[in-house]
Amino acid sequence: MTAAYTFDVFSSLDGFGAAGGDWTGYWGKQGPELLDRRLALYDEEQRMVFGAHTYLAFARMLAESTEDSDVRDPWVTRMRNLPTTVVSTTLKAPLDWPNANVMSGDAVDIVARLKKESDLPLRSHGSLSMNRALMAAGLVDRLQVTLFPVITGRTGLDPIFRDAADFDLELIESRTLDGHIQELTYRPTLHA
């Protein structure tokens, strides 16, 4: 059996994964439906897969946060406690992350092996460059984009699909959260 792999990403309408300036987490647009949905998604048993850059960013944000900050929303706490694989050629175990291991090598080879061997579905939140490579290799089964109603043309950070291959997307699920946030789930296929 092959484990399904979901690339889960937050995005502004103009395709940025984050923004600088005075934007806050979730671009300040979160509401109870979004937070409940995120917790439900991460309540399922699954294995997280991160690149080193995303792992380090999450670990730093959590270490610098307080108990009542948005960074420690219940879904993030749940995500941190799921089994996790960090793909890195520079990081070494042990990591400051419960239930995490480091696998060194090419992300495409590592995720192809995880898909064959894992009893759990695989999910990655962020890890943009790694997931672009995995999409190009045909290893991403579901692309889940949570689209926030903002344009961050001047302050946008982390363009999600910069230098990505071309893909056709089949919409397999959509929902509106808190009346203005779209969650869109696609099946990506490399455009021939």
N, C-alpha and C. Protein backbone atom coordinates (compact mmCIF):
# COMPACT_ATOMS: atom_id res chain seq x y z
N MET A 1 0.84 -1.18 0.00
CA MET A 1 0.00 0.00 0.00
C MET A 1 0.88 1.25 0.00
N THR A 2 0.49 2.25 -0.76
CA THR A 2 1.24 3.49 -0.83
C THR A 2 0.55 4.55 0.01
N ALA A 3 1.29 5.17 0.91
CA ALA A 3 0.74 6.22 1.77
C ALA A 3 0.49 7.48 0.94
N ALA A 4 -0.65 8.12 1.17
CA ALA A 4 -0.96 9.37 0.48
C ALA A 4 -0.13 10.50 1.09
N TYR A 5 0.29 11.43 0.23
CA TYR A 5 1.11 12.57 0.64
C TYR A 5 0.34 13.85 0.34
N THR A 6 0.15 14.69 1.37
CA THR A 6 -0.54 15.97 1.23
C THR A 6 0.43 17.11 1.48
N PHE A 7 0.50 18.02 0.52
CA PHE A 7 1.25 19.27 0.66
C PHE A 7 0.23 20.32 1.09
N ASP A 8 0.35 20.78 2.32
CA ASP A 8 -0.58 21.68 2.98
C ASP A 8 0.08 23.04 3.11
N VAL A 9 -0.55 24.08 2.57
CA VAL A 9 0.11 25.39 2.57
C VAL A 9 -0.91 26.51 2.74
N PHE A 10 -0.51 27.54 3.46
CA PHE A 10 -1.28 28.77 3.58
C PHE A 10 -0.83 29.72 2.47
N SER A 11 -1.77 30.50 1.91
CA SER A 11 -1.41 31.40 0.83
C SER A 11 -2.25 32.67 0.85
N SER A 12 -1.61 33.79 0.46
CA SER A 12 -2.35 35.01 0.14
C SER A 12 -2.91 34.82 -1.27
N LEU A 13 -3.82 35.67 -1.69
CA LEU A 13 -4.39 35.55 -3.03
C LEU A 13 -3.31 35.65 -4.10
N ASP A 14 -2.26 36.42 -3.84
CA ASP A 14 -1.19 36.57 -4.82
C ASP A 14 -0.06 35.56 -4.66
N GLY A 15 -0.30 34.51 -3.91
CA GLY A 15 0.61 33.36 -3.90
C GLY A 15 1.79 33.40 -2.96
N PHE A 16 1.70 34.20 -1.89
CA PHE A 16 2.77 34.23 -0.91
C PHE A 16 2.40 33.39 0.31
N GLY A 17 3.39 32.71 0.87
CA GLY A 17 3.17 31.88 2.04
C GLY A 17 3.24 32.64 3.35
N ALA A 18 3.69 33.88 3.31
CA ALA A 18 3.80 34.72 4.51
C ALA A 18 3.95 36.16 4.05
N ALA A 19 3.94 37.07 5.02
CA ALA A 19 4.14 38.48 4.71
C ALA A 19 4.86 39.17 5.84
N GLY A 20 5.61 40.21 5.50
CA GLY A 20 6.26 41.04 6.50
C GLY A 20 5.35 42.22 6.84
N GLY A 21 5.95 43.33 7.17
CA GLY A 21 5.17 44.52 7.51
C GLY A 21 4.40 44.30 8.79
N ASP A 22 3.19 44.83 8.85
CA ASP A 22 2.39 44.72 10.07
C ASP A 22 1.39 43.57 10.03
N TRP A 23 1.55 42.65 9.08
CA TRP A 23 0.68 41.47 9.04
C TRP A 23 0.99 40.58 10.23
N THR A 24 -0.03 39.97 10.79
CA THR A 24 0.16 39.01 11.87
C THR A 24 -0.04 37.60 11.32
N GLY A 25 0.09 36.59 12.16
CA GLY A 25 -0.15 35.22 11.74
C GLY A 25 -1.54 35.08 11.14
N TYR A 26 -1.69 34.22 10.18
CA TYR A 26 -2.94 34.02 9.45
C TYR A 26 -3.38 35.32 8.76
N TRP A 27 -2.48 36.24 8.58
CA TRP A 27 -2.79 37.56 8.02
C TRP A 27 -3.88 38.26 8.84
N GLY A 28 -4.07 37.84 10.08
CA GLY A 28 -5.08 38.44 10.95
C GLY A 28 -6.51 38.07 10.58
N LYS A 29 -6.70 37.05 9.77
CA LYS A 29 -8.02 36.69 9.25
C LYS A 29 -8.62 35.42 9.87
N GLN A 30 -7.92 34.81 10.83
CA GLN A 30 -8.41 33.55 11.39
C GLN A 30 -9.68 33.76 12.20
N GLY A 31 -10.44 32.69 12.26
CA GLY A 31 -11.65 32.66 13.06
C GLY A 31 -11.84 31.27 13.61
N PRO A 32 -12.91 31.03 14.33
CA PRO A 32 -13.10 29.72 14.98
C PRO A 32 -13.24 28.56 14.00
N GLU A 33 -13.86 28.79 12.84
CA GLU A 33 -13.99 27.69 11.88
C GLU A 33 -12.64 27.25 11.34
N LEU A 34 -11.78 28.20 11.02
CA LEU A 34 -10.43 27.86 10.54
C LEU A 34 -9.69 27.07 11.60
N LEU A 35 -9.69 27.57 12.81
CA LEU A 35 -8.93 26.90 13.87
C LEU A 35 -9.49 25.52 14.18
N ASP A 36 -10.81 25.36 14.17
CA ASP A 36 -11.41 24.04 14.38
C ASP A 36 -11.07 23.09 13.24
N ARG A 37 -11.10 23.60 12.02
CA ARG A 37 -10.78 22.77 10.85
C ARG A 37 -9.33 22.32 10.91
N ARG A 38 -8.42 23.23 11.25
CA ARG A 38 -7.01 22.87 11.33
C ARG A 38 -6.80 21.78 12.38
N LEU A 39 -7.45 21.92 13.53
CA LEU A 39 -7.31 20.90 14.57
C LEU A 39 -7.86 19.56 14.08
N ALA A 40 -8.98 19.57 13.39
CA ALA A 40 -9.55 18.32 12.86
C ALA A 40 -8.60 17.67 11.87
N LEU A 41 -7.99 18.46 11.01
CA LEU A 41 -7.04 17.91 10.03
C LEU A 41 -5.85 17.25 10.71
N TYR A 42 -5.38 17.86 11.78
CA TYR A 42 -4.19 17.36 12.46
C TYR A 42 -4.52 16.37 13.57
N ASP A 43 -5.80 16.18 13.86
CA ASP A 43 -6.20 15.19 14.85
C ASP A 43 -6.06 13.78 14.29
N GLU A 44 -6.08 13.67 12.97
CA GLU A 44 -5.92 12.36 12.33
C GLU A 44 -4.48 11.88 12.50
N GLU A 45 -4.31 10.58 12.67
CA GLU A 45 -2.96 10.02 12.76
C GLU A 45 -2.29 10.15 11.39
N GLN A 46 -1.10 10.70 11.38
CA GLN A 46 -0.34 10.91 10.15
C GLN A 46 1.10 11.19 10.52
N ARG A 47 1.96 11.17 9.53
CA ARG A 47 3.38 11.50 9.73
C ARG A 47 3.64 12.82 9.03
N MET A 48 4.26 13.75 9.77
CA MET A 48 4.66 15.03 9.21
C MET A 48 6.01 14.87 8.51
N VAL A 49 6.19 15.63 7.42
CA VAL A 49 7.46 15.64 6.70
C VAL A 49 7.83 17.11 6.49
N PHE A 50 9.00 17.50 6.99
CA PHE A 50 9.48 18.87 6.86
C PHE A 50 10.87 18.88 6.25
N GLY A 51 11.15 19.94 5.50
CA GLY A 51 12.53 20.24 5.14
C GLY A 51 13.19 20.92 6.34
N ALA A 52 14.51 21.02 6.32
CA ALA A 52 15.24 21.58 7.45
C ALA A 52 14.86 23.03 7.72
N HIS A 53 14.70 23.84 6.68
CA HIS A 53 14.38 25.26 6.87
C HIS A 53 13.04 25.43 7.59
N THR A 54 12.03 24.69 7.17
CA THR A 54 10.70 24.80 7.81
C THR A 54 10.74 24.26 9.23
N TYR A 55 11.41 23.13 9.44
CA TYR A 55 11.54 22.61 10.80
C TYR A 55 12.17 23.66 11.70
N LEU A 56 13.28 24.26 11.27
CA LEU A 56 13.97 25.26 12.10
C LEU A 56 13.08 26.48 12.35
N ALA A 57 12.31 26.91 11.34
CA ALA A 57 11.41 28.05 11.51
C ALA A 57 10.34 27.73 12.55
N PHE A 58 9.72 26.54 12.46
CA PHE A 58 8.71 26.14 13.44
C PHE A 58 9.32 26.04 14.84
N ALA A 59 10.47 25.39 14.96
CA ALA A 59 11.10 25.22 16.26
C ALA A 59 11.43 26.58 16.88
N ARG A 60 11.93 27.52 16.08
CA ARG A 60 12.26 28.86 16.57
C ARG A 60 10.99 29.61 16.99
N MET A 61 9.94 29.57 16.15
CA MET A 61 8.68 30.26 16.49
C MET A 61 8.11 29.73 17.80
N LEU A 62 8.11 28.42 17.96
CA LEU A 62 7.56 27.83 19.18
C LEU A 62 8.40 28.18 20.40
N ALA A 63 9.72 28.16 20.24
CA ALA A 63 10.60 28.49 21.37
C ALA A 63 10.45 29.94 21.80
N GLU A 64 10.17 30.83 20.86
CA GLU A 64 10.05 32.26 21.16
C GLU A 64 8.64 32.68 21.56
N SER A 65 7.67 31.77 21.47
CA SER A 65 6.27 32.12 21.73
C SER A 65 5.92 31.94 23.20
N THR A 66 4.77 32.49 23.56
CA THR A 66 4.22 32.31 24.90
C THR A 66 3.05 31.34 24.80
N GLU A 67 2.59 30.86 25.94
CA GLU A 67 1.49 29.89 25.97
C GLU A 67 0.22 30.39 25.29
N ASP A 68 -0.05 31.70 25.33
CA ASP A 68 -1.32 32.21 24.79
C ASP A 68 -1.17 32.85 23.41
N SER A 69 -0.04 32.65 22.73
CA SER A 69 0.14 33.24 21.41
C SER A 69 -0.50 32.36 20.33
N ASP A 70 -0.76 32.98 19.16
CA ASP A 70 -1.32 32.24 18.02
C ASP A 70 -0.42 31.09 17.59
N VAL A 71 0.87 31.23 17.82
CA VAL A 71 1.81 30.19 17.42
C VAL A 71 1.49 28.87 18.10
N ARG A 72 0.90 28.93 19.27
CA ARG A 72 0.60 27.71 20.02
C ARG A 72 -0.88 27.33 19.95
N ASP A 73 -1.50 27.64 18.83
CA ASP A 73 -2.88 27.18 18.64
C ASP A 73 -2.90 25.66 18.80
N PRO A 74 -4.04 25.10 19.24
CA PRO A 74 -4.09 23.66 19.49
C PRO A 74 -3.66 22.80 18.30
N TRP A 75 -3.96 23.22 17.06
CA TRP A 75 -3.56 22.40 15.92
C TRP A 75 -2.04 22.38 15.77
N VAL A 76 -1.36 23.47 16.11
CA VAL A 76 0.10 23.50 16.01
C VAL A 76 0.71 22.59 17.07
N THR A 77 0.14 22.62 18.27
CA THR A 77 0.60 21.72 19.33
C THR A 77 0.41 20.27 18.89
N ARG A 78 -0.73 19.97 18.29
CA ARG A 78 -0.99 18.61 17.81
C ARG A 78 0.01 18.24 16.71
N MET A 79 0.24 19.16 15.76
CA MET A 79 1.19 18.90 14.68
C MET A 79 2.57 18.57 15.26
N ARG A 80 2.98 19.33 16.26
CA ARG A 80 4.31 19.13 16.86
C ARG A 80 4.43 17.76 17.52
N ASN A 81 3.34 17.18 17.93
CA ASN A 81 3.38 15.90 18.63
C ASN A 81 3.14 14.69 17.73
N LEU A 82 2.90 14.93 16.44
CA LEU A 82 2.77 13.82 15.50
C LEU A 82 4.15 13.26 15.16
N PRO A 83 4.22 12.00 14.74
CA PRO A 83 5.50 11.48 14.25
C PRO A 83 5.98 12.38 13.11
N THR A 84 7.27 12.71 13.10
CA THR A 84 7.80 13.68 12.14
C THR A 84 9.12 13.20 11.56
N THR A 85 9.24 13.39 10.25
CA THR A 85 10.51 13.16 9.56
C THR A 85 10.99 14.50 9.04
N VAL A 86 12.22 14.85 9.38
CA VAL A 86 12.85 16.07 8.87
C VAL A 86 13.90 15.64 7.85
N VAL A 87 13.76 16.14 6.63
CA VAL A 87 14.70 15.82 5.55
C VAL A 87 15.78 16.89 5.56
N SER A 88 17.02 16.48 5.82
CA SER A 88 18.10 17.45 5.93
C SER A 88 19.44 16.79 5.69
N THR A 89 20.32 17.51 5.05
CA THR A 89 21.70 17.04 4.91
C THR A 89 22.61 17.70 5.94
N THR A 90 22.06 18.62 6.74
CA THR A 90 22.89 19.34 7.73
C THR A 90 22.49 19.08 9.18
N LEU A 91 21.21 18.87 9.45
CA LEU A 91 20.76 18.65 10.83
C LEU A 91 21.09 17.24 11.29
N LYS A 92 21.34 17.11 12.56
CA LYS A 92 21.63 15.81 13.17
C LYS A 92 20.69 15.59 14.35
N ALA A 93 20.38 14.35 14.62
CA ALA A 93 19.55 14.00 15.78
C ALA A 93 20.40 14.16 17.04
N PRO A 94 19.80 14.41 18.17
CA PRO A 94 18.36 14.54 18.39
C PRO A 94 17.88 15.96 18.10
N LEU A 95 16.63 16.06 17.68
CA LEU A 95 16.00 17.34 17.41
C LEU A 95 15.17 17.76 18.62
N ASP A 96 14.96 19.04 18.75
CA ASP A 96 14.11 19.55 19.82
C ASP A 96 12.66 19.50 19.35
N TRP A 97 12.17 18.29 19.15
CA TRP A 97 10.82 18.05 18.61
C TRP A 97 10.47 16.64 19.00
N PRO A 98 9.37 16.45 19.73
CA PRO A 98 9.05 15.08 20.14
C PRO A 98 8.77 14.19 18.93
N ASN A 99 9.20 12.97 19.02
CA ASN A 99 8.84 11.97 18.03
C ASN A 99 9.35 12.30 16.62
N ALA A 100 10.50 12.98 16.52
CA ALA A 100 11.05 13.36 15.22
C ALA A 100 12.33 12.60 14.93
N ASN A 101 12.53 12.31 13.66
CA ASN A 101 13.79 11.74 13.22
C ASN A 101 14.29 12.55 12.02
N VAL A 102 15.58 12.46 11.75
CA VAL A 102 16.20 13.14 10.62
C VAL A 102 16.59 12.09 9.60
N MET A 103 16.26 12.36 8.35
CA MET A 103 16.71 11.50 7.25
C MET A 103 17.54 12.37 6.32
N SER A 104 18.75 11.92 6.05
CA SER A 104 19.67 12.68 5.20
C SER A 104 19.65 12.10 3.80
N GLY A 105 19.59 13.00 2.82
CA GLY A 105 19.60 12.58 1.43
C GLY A 105 18.67 13.42 0.60
N ASP A 106 18.39 12.95 -0.59
CA ASP A 106 17.52 13.65 -1.53
C ASP A 106 16.06 13.48 -1.10
N ALA A 107 15.33 14.59 -0.99
CA ALA A 107 13.94 14.54 -0.53
C ALA A 107 13.07 13.66 -1.41
N VAL A 108 13.29 13.67 -2.71
CA VAL A 108 12.48 12.84 -3.62
C VAL A 108 12.67 11.36 -3.27
N ASP A 109 13.91 10.94 -3.07
CA ASP A 109 14.17 9.53 -2.73
C ASP A 109 13.59 9.19 -1.36
N ILE A 110 13.76 10.08 -0.40
CA ILE A 110 13.28 9.83 0.96
C ILE A 110 11.76 9.72 0.99
N VAL A 111 11.08 10.66 0.35
CA VAL A 111 9.61 10.63 0.38
C VAL A 111 9.07 9.46 -0.44
N ALA A 112 9.71 9.11 -1.54
CA ALA A 112 9.28 7.93 -2.30
C ALA A 112 9.35 6.69 -1.42
N ARG A 113 10.42 6.58 -0.63
CA ARG A 113 10.55 5.44 0.30
C ARG A 113 9.51 5.50 1.41
N LEU A 114 9.30 6.70 1.98
CA LEU A 114 8.27 6.85 3.02
C LEU A 114 6.89 6.46 2.50
N LYS A 115 6.58 6.87 1.29
CA LYS A 115 5.27 6.53 0.72
C LYS A 115 5.07 5.01 0.62
N LYS A 116 6.15 4.29 0.32
CA LYS A 116 6.07 2.83 0.22
C LYS A 116 5.99 2.16 1.57
N GLU A 117 6.70 2.73 2.58
CA GLU A 117 6.86 2.05 3.86
C GLU A 117 5.92 2.51 4.96
N SER A 118 5.37 3.71 4.85
CA SER A 118 4.59 4.27 5.96
C SER A 118 3.20 3.64 6.06
N ASP A 119 2.83 3.32 7.29
CA ASP A 119 1.47 2.87 7.56
C ASP A 119 0.53 4.05 7.74
N LEU A 120 1.08 5.27 7.85
CA LEU A 120 0.30 6.48 8.07
C LEU A 120 0.35 7.37 6.85
N PRO A 121 -0.72 8.14 6.61
CA PRO A 121 -0.64 9.16 5.56
C PRO A 121 0.46 10.15 5.91
N LEU A 122 0.99 10.81 4.90
CA LEU A 122 2.06 11.79 5.06
C LEU A 122 1.52 13.18 4.78
N ARG A 123 1.97 14.17 5.55
CA ARG A 123 1.53 15.56 5.38
C ARG A 123 2.72 16.47 5.62
N SER A 124 2.80 17.52 4.81
CA SER A 124 3.82 18.53 5.00
C SER A 124 3.16 19.89 4.98
N HIS A 125 3.41 20.69 6.01
CA HIS A 125 2.90 22.06 6.05
C HIS A 125 4.08 22.98 5.78
N GLY A 126 4.03 23.72 4.68
CA GLY A 126 5.16 24.57 4.31
C GLY A 126 6.17 23.79 3.51
N SER A 127 7.47 23.93 3.86
CA SER A 127 8.56 23.25 3.16
C SER A 127 8.43 23.44 1.64
N LEU A 128 8.40 24.70 1.23
CA LEU A 128 8.05 25.06 -0.14
C LEU A 128 8.96 24.46 -1.20
N SER A 129 10.26 24.66 -1.09
CA SER A 129 11.14 24.15 -2.15
C SER A 129 11.12 22.63 -2.20
N MET A 130 11.08 21.99 -1.03
CA MET A 130 11.02 20.53 -1.00
C MET A 130 9.74 20.05 -1.69
N ASN A 131 8.61 20.68 -1.37
CA ASN A 131 7.35 20.22 -1.93
C ASN A 131 7.21 20.55 -3.42
N ARG A 132 7.84 21.61 -3.89
CA ARG A 132 7.85 21.85 -5.34
C ARG A 132 8.58 20.70 -6.04
N ALA A 133 9.70 20.25 -5.48
CA ALA A 133 10.44 19.13 -6.07
C ALA A 133 9.62 17.84 -6.00
N LEU A 134 8.92 17.63 -4.90
CA LEU A 134 8.09 16.43 -4.77
C LEU A 134 6.93 16.45 -5.75
N MET A 135 6.33 17.62 -5.96
CA MET A 135 5.26 17.73 -6.96
C MET A 135 5.79 17.39 -8.35
N ALA A 136 6.96 17.95 -8.70
CA ALA A 136 7.55 17.69 -10.02
C ALA A 136 7.85 16.21 -10.21
N ALA A 137 8.16 15.51 -9.12
CA ALA A 137 8.45 14.07 -9.18
C ALA A 137 7.19 13.21 -9.12
N GLY A 138 6.02 13.85 -9.01
CA GLY A 138 4.76 13.10 -8.98
C GLY A 138 4.46 12.44 -7.65
N LEU A 139 5.06 12.92 -6.57
CA LEU A 139 4.88 12.29 -5.26
C LEU A 139 3.81 12.95 -4.39
N VAL A 140 3.28 14.09 -4.80
CA VAL A 140 2.24 14.78 -4.03
C VAL A 140 0.87 14.34 -4.54
N ASP A 141 0.10 13.72 -3.67
CA ASP A 141 -1.23 13.23 -4.04
C ASP A 141 -2.28 14.31 -3.91
N ARG A 142 -2.11 15.17 -2.90
CA ARG A 142 -3.08 16.23 -2.62
C ARG A 142 -2.34 17.52 -2.31
N LEU A 143 -2.78 18.58 -2.97
CA LEU A 143 -2.29 19.92 -2.69
C LEU A 143 -3.42 20.65 -1.99
N GLN A 144 -3.23 20.96 -0.72
CA GLN A 144 -4.28 21.62 0.08
C GLN A 144 -3.84 23.06 0.34
N VAL A 145 -4.54 24.00 -0.30
CA VAL A 145 -4.20 25.41 -0.19
C VAL A 145 -5.28 26.10 0.65
N THR A 146 -4.87 26.72 1.74
CA THR A 146 -5.78 27.55 2.53
C THR A 146 -5.51 28.98 2.08
N LEU A 147 -6.49 29.55 1.40
CA LEU A 147 -6.34 30.84 0.73
C LEU A 147 -6.97 31.94 1.58
N PHE A 148 -6.10 32.86 2.02
CA PHE A 148 -6.56 33.96 2.85
C PHE A 148 -6.88 35.17 1.97
N PRO A 149 -7.93 35.93 2.32
CA PRO A 149 -8.40 37.03 1.47
C PRO A 149 -7.55 38.29 1.63
N VAL A 150 -6.31 38.20 1.17
CA VAL A 150 -5.38 39.33 1.21
C VAL A 150 -4.51 39.31 -0.03
N ILE A 151 -4.00 40.47 -0.39
CA ILE A 151 -2.96 40.61 -1.41
C ILE A 151 -1.79 41.27 -0.71
N THR A 152 -0.62 40.64 -0.81
CA THR A 152 0.56 41.13 -0.10
C THR A 152 1.66 41.49 -1.11
N GLY A 153 1.27 42.22 -2.14
CA GLY A 153 2.19 42.55 -3.22
C GLY A 153 3.49 43.20 -2.76
N ARG A 154 3.45 44.11 -1.81
CA ARG A 154 4.65 44.80 -1.34
C ARG A 154 5.36 44.04 -0.23
N THR A 155 4.61 43.32 0.60
CA THR A 155 5.21 42.72 1.79
C THR A 155 5.25 41.20 1.74
N GLY A 156 4.79 40.60 0.64
CA GLY A 156 4.75 39.15 0.54
C GLY A 156 6.11 38.50 0.65
N LEU A 157 6.15 37.40 1.39
CA LEU A 157 7.37 36.61 1.57
C LEU A 157 7.09 35.18 1.14
N ASP A 158 8.10 34.49 0.73
CA ASP A 158 8.00 33.06 0.40
C ASP A 158 6.98 32.79 -0.71
N PRO A 159 7.29 33.19 -1.96
CA PRO A 159 6.39 32.84 -3.07
C PRO A 159 6.27 31.32 -3.18
N ILE A 160 5.07 30.83 -3.07
CA ILE A 160 4.86 29.38 -2.94
C ILE A 160 5.31 28.61 -4.18
N PHE A 161 4.96 29.09 -5.36
CA PHE A 161 5.24 28.31 -6.57
C PHE A 161 6.30 28.94 -7.46
N ARG A 162 7.17 29.78 -6.88
CA ARG A 162 8.26 30.38 -7.67
C ARG A 162 9.13 29.25 -8.24
N ASP A 163 9.37 29.31 -9.53
CA ASP A 163 10.20 28.35 -10.25
C ASP A 163 9.65 26.92 -10.23
N ALA A 164 8.37 26.77 -9.94
CA ALA A 164 7.76 25.43 -9.96
C ALA A 164 7.51 25.00 -11.40
N ALA A 165 7.36 23.71 -11.58
CA ALA A 165 6.94 23.19 -12.88
C ALA A 165 5.48 23.60 -13.13
N ASP A 166 4.97 23.30 -14.31
CA ASP A 166 3.57 23.57 -14.63
C ASP A 166 2.73 22.34 -14.26
N PHE A 167 1.55 22.62 -13.66
CA PHE A 167 0.67 21.53 -13.22
C PHE A 167 -0.76 21.81 -13.62
N ASP A 168 -1.47 20.74 -13.92
CA ASP A 168 -2.93 20.79 -14.02
C ASP A 168 -3.44 20.39 -12.64
N LEU A 169 -4.51 21.06 -12.20
CA LEU A 169 -5.06 20.79 -10.87
C LEU A 169 -6.52 20.37 -10.99
N GLU A 170 -6.83 19.23 -10.41
CA GLU A 170 -8.21 18.75 -10.34
C GLU A 170 -8.74 19.06 -8.94
N LEU A 171 -9.75 19.90 -8.86
CA LEU A 171 -10.34 20.25 -7.57
C LEU A 171 -11.09 19.04 -7.03
N ILE A 172 -10.72 18.58 -5.84
CA ILE A 172 -11.39 17.42 -5.27
C ILE A 172 -12.19 17.76 -4.01
N GLU A 173 -11.93 18.96 -3.44
CA GLU A 173 -12.70 19.38 -2.27
C GLU A 173 -12.51 20.88 -2.08
N SER A 174 -13.57 21.55 -1.63
CA SER A 174 -13.45 22.98 -1.30
C SER A 174 -14.41 23.30 -0.17
N ARG A 175 -14.03 24.29 0.61
CA ARG A 175 -14.89 24.75 1.69
C ARG A 175 -14.54 26.19 2.02
N THR A 176 -15.53 26.90 2.55
CA THR A 176 -15.32 28.27 3.02
C THR A 176 -15.33 28.24 4.54
N LEU A 177 -14.35 28.90 5.13
CA LEU A 177 -14.21 28.94 6.58
C LEU A 177 -14.34 30.38 7.06
N ASP A 178 -15.11 30.58 8.09
CA ASP A 178 -15.31 31.90 8.69
C ASP A 178 -15.83 32.92 7.68
N GLY A 179 -16.48 32.45 6.63
CA GLY A 179 -17.11 33.33 5.66
C GLY A 179 -16.18 33.98 4.66
N HIS A 180 -14.85 33.76 4.76
CA HIS A 180 -13.96 34.46 3.84
C HIS A 180 -12.66 33.73 3.51
N ILE A 181 -12.36 32.64 4.17
CA ILE A 181 -11.13 31.87 3.90
C ILE A 181 -11.53 30.64 3.09
N GLN A 182 -10.80 30.38 2.01
CA GLN A 182 -11.08 29.22 1.16
C GLN A 182 -10.06 28.12 1.43
N GLU A 183 -10.55 26.90 1.61
CA GLU A 183 -9.67 25.74 1.66
C GLU A 183 -9.94 24.96 0.38
N LEU A 184 -8.93 24.85 -0.44
CA LEU A 184 -9.05 24.20 -1.75
C LEU A 184 -8.10 23.01 -1.79
N THR A 185 -8.63 21.85 -2.11
CA THR A 185 -7.80 20.65 -2.18
C THR A 185 -7.82 20.13 -3.61
N TYR A 186 -6.63 19.96 -4.16
CA TYR A 186 -6.46 19.57 -5.55
C TYR A 186 -5.66 18.29 -5.66
N ARG A 187 -5.86 17.61 -6.78
CA ARG A 187 -4.99 16.51 -7.19
C ARG A 187 -4.10 17.08 -8.31
N PRO A 188 -2.80 17.26 -8.04
CA PRO A 188 -1.93 17.85 -9.06
C PRO A 188 -1.37 16.80 -10.02
N THR A 189 -1.28 17.16 -11.28
CA THR A 189 -0.59 16.34 -12.26
C THR A 189 0.30 17.24 -13.11
N LEU A 190 1.49 16.78 -13.37
CA LEU A 190 2.44 17.54 -14.17
C LEU A 190 1.83 17.81 -15.54
N HIS A 191 1.88 19.06 -15.96
CA HIS A 191 1.31 19.45 -17.26
C HIS A 191 2.28 19.01 -18.35
N ALA A 192 1.77 18.22 -19.25
CA ALA A 192 2.64 17.68 -20.33
C ALA A 192 2.62 18.57 -21.55
